[in-house]
Protein backbone atom coordinates (compact mmCIF):
# COMPACT_ATOMS: atom_id res chain seq x y z
CA MET A 1 6.79 10.99 -36.12
CA THR A 2 4.26 8.08 -36.14
CA SER A 3 5.09 4.65 -34.29
CA PRO A 4 3.30 1.11 -34.78
CA ALA A 5 0.24 0.67 -32.75
CA SER A 6 2.18 -1.37 -30.16
CA GLU A 7 5.05 1.24 -29.44
CA PRO A 8 4.59 3.91 -26.94
CA VAL A 9 3.92 7.81 -28.04
CA ILE A 10 4.35 11.05 -26.36
CA HIS A 11 1.43 12.31 -24.73
CA TRP A 12 1.77 16.13 -25.47
CA PRO A 13 0.02 18.67 -23.43
CA ALA A 14 -1.92 20.56 -26.10
CA HIS A 15 0.17 23.95 -25.70
CA PHE A 16 3.47 21.78 -26.36
CA HIS A 17 2.33 19.56 -29.09
CA PRO A 18 5.10 19.84 -31.92
CA ALA A 19 2.55 21.70 -34.21
CA ASN A 20 2.06 24.19 -31.55
CA VAL A 21 5.84 25.44 -30.42
CA PRO A 22 8.43 27.25 -31.98
CA VAL A 23 11.39 24.66 -31.27
CA HIS A 24 10.85 21.31 -31.33
CA VAL A 25 13.85 18.26 -31.35
CA VAL A 26 13.84 14.76 -31.54
CA ASN A 27 16.65 12.56 -30.78
CA GLU A 28 16.88 8.73 -30.85
CA MET A 29 19.47 5.74 -30.45
CA PHE A 30 19.33 2.39 -29.96
CA ILE A 31 21.04 1.59 -26.42
CA PRO A 32 22.09 -2.28 -26.18
CA ALA A 33 21.06 -2.36 -22.50
CA SER A 34 17.52 -3.68 -20.62
CA ALA A 35 14.81 -0.99 -20.05
CA GLU A 36 15.29 -1.31 -16.52
CA HIS A 37 18.95 -0.19 -16.81
CA ILE A 38 18.24 2.32 -18.97
CA TRP A 39 15.32 3.44 -16.67
CA ALA A 40 17.26 3.38 -13.54
CA TRP A 41 19.93 5.61 -14.88
CA LEU A 42 17.65 8.29 -16.45
CA VAL A 43 15.48 8.46 -13.11
CA ARG A 44 18.66 8.95 -10.82
CA GLU A 45 18.33 12.60 -11.36
CA PRO A 46 21.14 13.50 -8.65
CA LEU A 47 23.71 11.30 -10.41
CA TRP A 48 22.98 13.23 -13.88
CA PRO A 49 26.02 15.68 -13.60
CA THR A 50 28.28 12.65 -12.92
CA TRP A 51 27.93 11.05 -16.27
CA TYR A 52 26.05 14.05 -18.41
CA ALA A 53 28.03 16.85 -18.85
CA ASN A 54 25.37 19.24 -19.77
CA SER A 55 23.70 18.98 -16.25
CA LYS A 56 24.65 20.27 -13.01
CA VAL A 57 22.81 20.28 -9.89
CA ASP A 58 21.19 23.88 -9.04
CA TRP A 59 19.29 23.24 -6.02
CA ILE A 60 19.56 20.37 -3.52
CA ARG A 61 16.16 18.32 -2.95
CA ASP A 62 16.06 14.99 -1.11
CA LYS A 63 18.88 13.40 -2.78
CA SER A 64 17.71 9.80 -1.49
CA ARG A 65 14.85 9.56 -4.25
CA ASP A 66 14.72 9.07 -7.75
CA LEU A 67 12.37 11.21 -10.15
CA THR A 68 8.70 9.95 -9.70
CA LEU A 69 5.55 11.54 -10.68
CA GLY A 70 5.11 15.14 -9.29
CA VAL A 71 8.58 15.43 -7.87
CA GLN A 72 10.05 19.11 -8.55
CA PHE A 73 13.65 19.32 -9.37
CA HIS A 74 15.92 22.22 -9.95
CA TRP A 75 18.82 21.61 -12.14
CA LYS A 76 21.04 23.65 -14.84
CA THR A 77 21.61 22.46 -18.27
CA PHE A 78 22.60 24.47 -21.69
CA GLY A 79 23.93 27.18 -18.89
CA VAL A 80 20.48 27.61 -17.77
CA SER A 81 18.71 27.12 -14.27
CA ILE A 82 15.58 25.23 -14.85
CA THR A 83 12.82 24.24 -12.65
CA SER A 84 11.24 21.18 -13.58
CA ARG A 85 8.43 19.10 -12.49
CA VAL A 86 7.89 15.38 -13.69
CA GLN A 87 4.48 15.41 -15.30
CA GLU A 88 4.49 11.71 -16.71
CA PHE A 89 5.79 8.75 -15.32
CA VAL A 90 5.40 4.98 -16.26
CA PRO A 91 8.34 2.90 -15.19
CA CYS A 92 10.78 1.41 -17.67
CA GLU A 93 8.49 3.11 -20.32
CA ARG A 94 8.07 6.90 -20.45
CA ILE A 95 8.97 10.01 -18.46
CA ALA A 96 8.34 13.63 -19.26
CA TRP A 97 8.90 16.78 -17.23
CA ASP A 98 8.13 20.53 -17.67
CA GLY A 99 10.64 23.12 -17.19
CA THR A 100 11.04 26.95 -16.78
CA GLY A 101 13.69 29.03 -16.88
CA MET A 102 15.28 32.15 -18.42
CA GLY A 103 12.75 32.94 -21.07
CA ALA A 104 11.89 29.18 -22.08
CA HIS A 105 8.69 27.03 -21.08
CA VAL A 106 9.67 23.43 -21.95
CA TYR A 107 8.39 19.75 -21.95
CA HIS A 108 10.83 17.12 -22.39
CA ALA A 109 9.61 13.85 -23.07
CA TRP A 110 11.48 10.18 -23.09
CA LEU A 111 10.43 7.09 -24.44
CA ILE A 112 12.35 3.60 -23.60
CA ILE A 113 11.01 1.01 -26.42
CA PRO A 114 12.57 -2.51 -25.97
CA LYS A 115 13.62 -4.14 -29.11
CA ALA A 116 15.87 -7.27 -29.48
CA GLY A 117 19.32 -6.70 -28.00
CA GLY A 118 18.32 -3.69 -26.17
CA CYS A 119 15.95 -0.64 -26.46
CA LEU A 120 15.19 2.35 -28.67
CA VAL A 121 15.42 5.59 -26.76
CA ARG A 122 13.55 8.73 -27.87
CA THR A 123 13.61 12.15 -26.45
CA GLU A 124 11.93 14.86 -27.56
CA GLU A 125 11.55 18.62 -26.63
CA SER A 126 9.08 21.28 -27.13
CA GLN A 127 9.64 24.75 -26.27
CA HIS A 128 7.96 28.13 -26.30
CA GLY A 129 9.48 31.54 -25.28
CA TRP A 130 11.79 34.36 -26.27
CA GLY A 131 14.87 32.80 -24.76
CA ALA A 132 13.86 29.35 -26.65
CA ARG A 133 13.56 31.25 -29.75
CA LEU A 134 16.56 33.37 -29.47
CA MET A 135 18.70 30.49 -28.64
CA HIS A 136 17.67 28.24 -31.61
CA PHE A 137 18.06 30.99 -33.86
CA LEU A 138 21.67 31.69 -32.70
CA ARG A 139 22.63 28.03 -32.29
CA PRO A 140 20.24 25.66 -34.26
CA HIS A 141 21.73 22.56 -33.62
CA ARG A 142 22.61 23.07 -29.76
CA MET A 143 19.68 21.26 -28.35
CA PHE A 144 19.96 18.15 -30.69
CA ASP A 145 23.72 18.09 -30.11
CA GLY A 146 23.14 18.43 -26.11
CA HIS A 147 20.33 15.77 -26.41
CA ASP A 148 22.51 13.59 -28.66
CA LEU A 149 25.14 13.59 -25.82
CA TRP A 150 22.71 12.91 -23.45
CA LEU A 151 21.58 9.58 -25.15
CA LYS A 152 25.29 8.51 -25.73
CA SER A 153 26.28 8.97 -22.11
CA LEU A 154 23.00 7.26 -20.84
CA SER A 155 24.22 4.38 -23.36
CA ILE A 156 27.45 3.90 -21.73
CA GLN A 157 26.13 4.25 -18.23
CA SER A 158 23.21 1.52 -18.81
CA GLN A 159 25.67 -0.81 -20.28
CA THR A 160 27.39 -0.69 -17.11
CA GLY A 161 24.35 -2.21 -14.96
CA LEU A 162 22.48 -0.28 -12.24
CA PRO A 163 23.41 2.82 -10.85
CA PRO A 164 24.71 3.06 -7.43
CA GLU A 165 22.45 3.66 -4.62
CA LEU A 166 21.95 7.26 -3.27
């Protein structure tokens, strides 16, 4: 997918570039909210389970902090425990983390692109591993549907304003 020169693009590690993976999914949605509100809900990982049904806290870390560059977090998604680390972090524009869990090694990136009346939010995920290939074979739309739900839920939350303090 190409973007106009003025729009941000995902900076893929070579191993996770869409051309180099067996599983890659792209979702995007226009969210009628400010980049600041969208960003605040996206980086407040301890609150994800309160508004994104496909997320569960799997390990307690310092819950007083939002995600930032280098932060490691443990969570459960799609029924799999994942250990992730934030690899890219540009406030109100982009965040990306890698993750490892049950036969899958993933890279999940988000872009927030301001537009008139809100933002286009794009999320892409690339996956390697036997678990990723197997799940994609058995349920080829599962990750797309889960990320679509994440975007819809993020839209609802972002339109309410900023998330509560931790």
